[in-house]
Amino acid sequence: MATESKKIQFIVILSALFVVATSVAITLWVMTPATKTSDALHQNITFTDAALTCEKRISDDFNRDIVKLHIDSHSSHFDETHFRYKLFYHLDLREKKKIMPHYVNCFVRASSGDVSEMIVLQRVEEDGSLVPKRRFDSIKWPK
């Protein structure tokens, strides 16, 4: 009788281990595609990540000439239709011992965090109009 109860106890323990192992295997099988990194999967690029990317790009492009760089937090936003962040900056640059106001429109892809487009506009002192100064596209066109 004692050996029969030990057999039942062994079968119950073996069955429980089988259920746990099967559950773990199925969970890993289902979760594996979500944990693989791929360009097709959504990447979590936050507004702060996009702002830091733009600021680094602006800093790299204008280096020593930057006097002041300020993000326009009221206009900057996430554009759901194009799946990108649109960030707008006020930029003061030192040009020939004068400080010239500029505006930067920086667009960052939410899927990759890359700058897709950056437009720099300079304010003309005489009439206050804006003149395109530089335009940077992510596509490097041959010269």
Protein backbone atom coordinates (compact mmCIF):
# COMPACT_ATOMS: atom_id res chain seq x y z
CA MET A 1 0.00 0.00 0.00
CA ALA A 2 2.88 2.37 0.78
CA THR A 3 4.45 1.80 -2.61
CA GLU A 4 1.14 2.51 -4.34
CA SER A 5 0.79 5.92 -2.62
CA LYS A 6 4.41 6.73 -3.52
CA LYS A 7 3.64 5.90 -7.17
CA ILE A 8 0.61 8.23 -7.11
CA GLN A 9 2.65 10.95 -5.42
CA PHE A 10 5.41 10.53 -8.07
CA ILE A 11 2.84 10.73 -10.90
CA VAL A 12 1.28 13.91 -9.41
CA ILE A 13 4.70 15.59 -9.04
CA LEU A 14 5.71 14.54 -12.57
CA SER A 15 2.41 15.87 -13.96
CA ALA A 16 2.87 19.21 -12.15
CA LEU A 17 6.41 19.57 -13.52
CA PHE A 18 5.12 18.79 -17.03
CA VAL A 19 2.42 21.48 -16.75
CA VAL A 20 4.93 24.08 -15.50
CA ALA A 21 7.50 23.21 -18.20
CA THR A 22 4.83 23.35 -20.91
CA SER A 23 3.58 26.71 -19.64
CA VAL A 24 7.10 28.19 -19.64
CA ALA A 25 7.81 26.83 -23.14
CA ILE A 26 4.58 28.26 -24.57
CA THR A 27 5.19 31.65 -22.92
CA LEU A 28 8.71 31.84 -24.35
CA TRP A 29 7.47 30.79 -27.79
CA VAL A 30 4.75 33.46 -27.80
CA MET A 31 6.96 36.25 -26.40
CA THR A 32 10.04 35.68 -28.61
CA PRO A 33 8.85 37.72 -31.64
CA ALA A 34 8.10 40.74 -29.40
CA THR A 35 11.58 40.76 -27.92
CA LYS A 36 13.48 40.57 -31.21
CA THR A 37 14.82 43.92 -32.38
CA SER A 38 13.83 44.81 -35.90
CA ASP A 39 13.40 47.96 -37.93
CA ALA A 40 9.80 46.96 -38.58
CA LEU A 41 8.94 47.04 -34.88
CA HIS A 42 7.99 50.26 -33.10
CA GLN A 43 10.80 51.90 -31.16
CA ASN A 44 9.98 54.11 -28.23
CA ILE A 45 11.42 57.51 -29.12
CA THR A 46 10.23 60.11 -26.66
CA PHE A 47 9.87 63.84 -27.09
CA THR A 48 13.00 64.29 -24.94
CA ASP A 49 14.98 61.87 -27.14
CA ALA A 50 13.91 63.83 -30.22
CA ALA A 51 14.84 67.15 -28.58
CA LEU A 52 18.28 65.87 -27.58
CA THR A 53 18.87 64.55 -31.11
CA CYS A 54 17.97 67.93 -32.64
CA GLU A 55 20.06 69.87 -30.15
CA LYS A 56 23.08 67.67 -30.86
CA ARG A 57 22.60 68.11 -34.60
CA ILE A 58 22.28 71.90 -34.25
CA SER A 59 25.33 71.98 -31.97
CA ASP A 60 27.35 69.90 -34.44
CA ASP A 61 26.36 72.13 -37.37
CA PHE A 62 26.86 75.55 -35.72
CA ASN A 63 29.41 74.64 -33.04
CA ARG A 64 31.11 77.80 -31.74
CA ASP A 65 28.67 80.31 -33.20
CA ILE A 66 25.75 79.42 -30.89
CA VAL A 67 24.95 82.12 -28.36
CA LYS A 68 21.56 80.82 -27.26
CA LEU A 69 19.39 77.84 -28.20
CA HIS A 70 15.83 77.61 -26.90
CA ILE A 71 13.07 75.15 -27.81
CA ASP A 72 9.60 76.53 -28.52
CA SER A 73 7.69 74.16 -26.26
CA HIS A 74 4.30 75.57 -27.28
CA SER A 75 4.69 74.79 -30.99
CA SER A 76 6.81 71.63 -30.84
CA HIS A 77 4.69 68.50 -31.03
CA PHE A 78 4.29 64.92 -32.27
CA ASP A 79 2.77 64.69 -35.74
CA GLU A 80 0.68 61.50 -35.81
CA THR A 81 -0.03 61.65 -39.55
CA HIS A 82 3.68 61.54 -40.46
CA PHE A 83 4.78 59.64 -37.31
CA ARG A 84 7.47 62.18 -36.44
CA TYR A 85 8.29 64.86 -33.91
CA LYS A 86 8.26 68.46 -35.11
CA LEU A 87 10.51 70.60 -32.95
CA PHE A 88 10.93 74.33 -33.32
CA TYR A 89 13.87 76.28 -31.89
CA HIS A 90 14.92 79.90 -31.44
CA LEU A 91 18.62 80.13 -32.17
CA ASP A 92 20.91 83.12 -31.73
CA LEU A 93 24.14 82.88 -33.73
CA ARG A 94 27.21 85.06 -33.59
CA GLU A 95 27.95 86.29 -37.10
CA LYS A 96 30.67 88.86 -37.71
CA LYS A 97 30.52 90.20 -34.15
CA LYS A 98 26.72 90.54 -34.33
CA ILE A 99 24.12 88.27 -32.80
CA MET A 100 21.62 87.20 -35.45
CA PRO A 101 18.27 85.55 -34.61
CA HIS A 102 17.47 82.30 -36.41
CA TYR A 103 14.70 79.73 -36.30
CA VAL A 104 15.23 76.01 -36.68
CA ASN A 105 12.56 73.50 -37.71
CA CYS A 106 13.77 70.02 -36.86
CA PHE A 107 11.80 66.89 -37.75
CA VAL A 108 12.69 63.57 -36.10
CA ARG A 109 11.35 60.17 -37.14
CA ALA A 110 9.60 58.50 -34.21
CA SER A 111 10.42 55.05 -35.56
CA SER A 112 14.20 55.47 -35.65
CA GLY A 113 15.04 58.71 -33.83
CA ASP A 114 16.86 60.09 -36.89
CA VAL A 115 16.58 63.69 -38.06
CA SER A 116 14.58 63.50 -41.29
CA GLU A 117 14.71 67.22 -42.06
CA MET A 118 16.15 70.38 -40.54
CA ILE A 119 15.42 73.86 -41.86
CA VAL A 120 17.26 76.94 -40.59
CA LEU A 121 15.68 80.34 -41.20
CA GLN A 122 17.38 83.68 -40.55
CA ARG A 123 15.44 86.78 -39.58
CA VAL A 124 16.33 89.76 -41.76
CA GLU A 125 16.76 92.91 -39.68
CA GLU A 126 15.46 95.39 -42.26
CA ASP A 127 11.94 94.06 -42.73
CA GLY A 128 11.67 91.24 -40.20
CA SER A 129 11.11 88.60 -42.88
CA LEU A 130 12.57 85.09 -42.69
CA VAL A 131 15.13 83.91 -45.23
CA PRO A 132 16.10 80.24 -45.61
CA LYS A 133 19.70 79.91 -44.55
CA ARG A 134 20.27 76.15 -44.62
CA ARG A 135 18.24 73.08 -45.31
CA PHE A 136 19.37 69.64 -44.24
CA ASP A 137 17.64 66.56 -45.52
CA SER A 138 18.39 63.07 -44.32
CA ILE A 139 18.98 62.04 -47.95
CA LYS A 140 22.54 62.75 -49.03
CA TRP A 141 22.20 63.79 -52.66
CA PRO A 142 25.26 63.33 -54.90
CA LYS A 143 27.04 66.52 -55.90
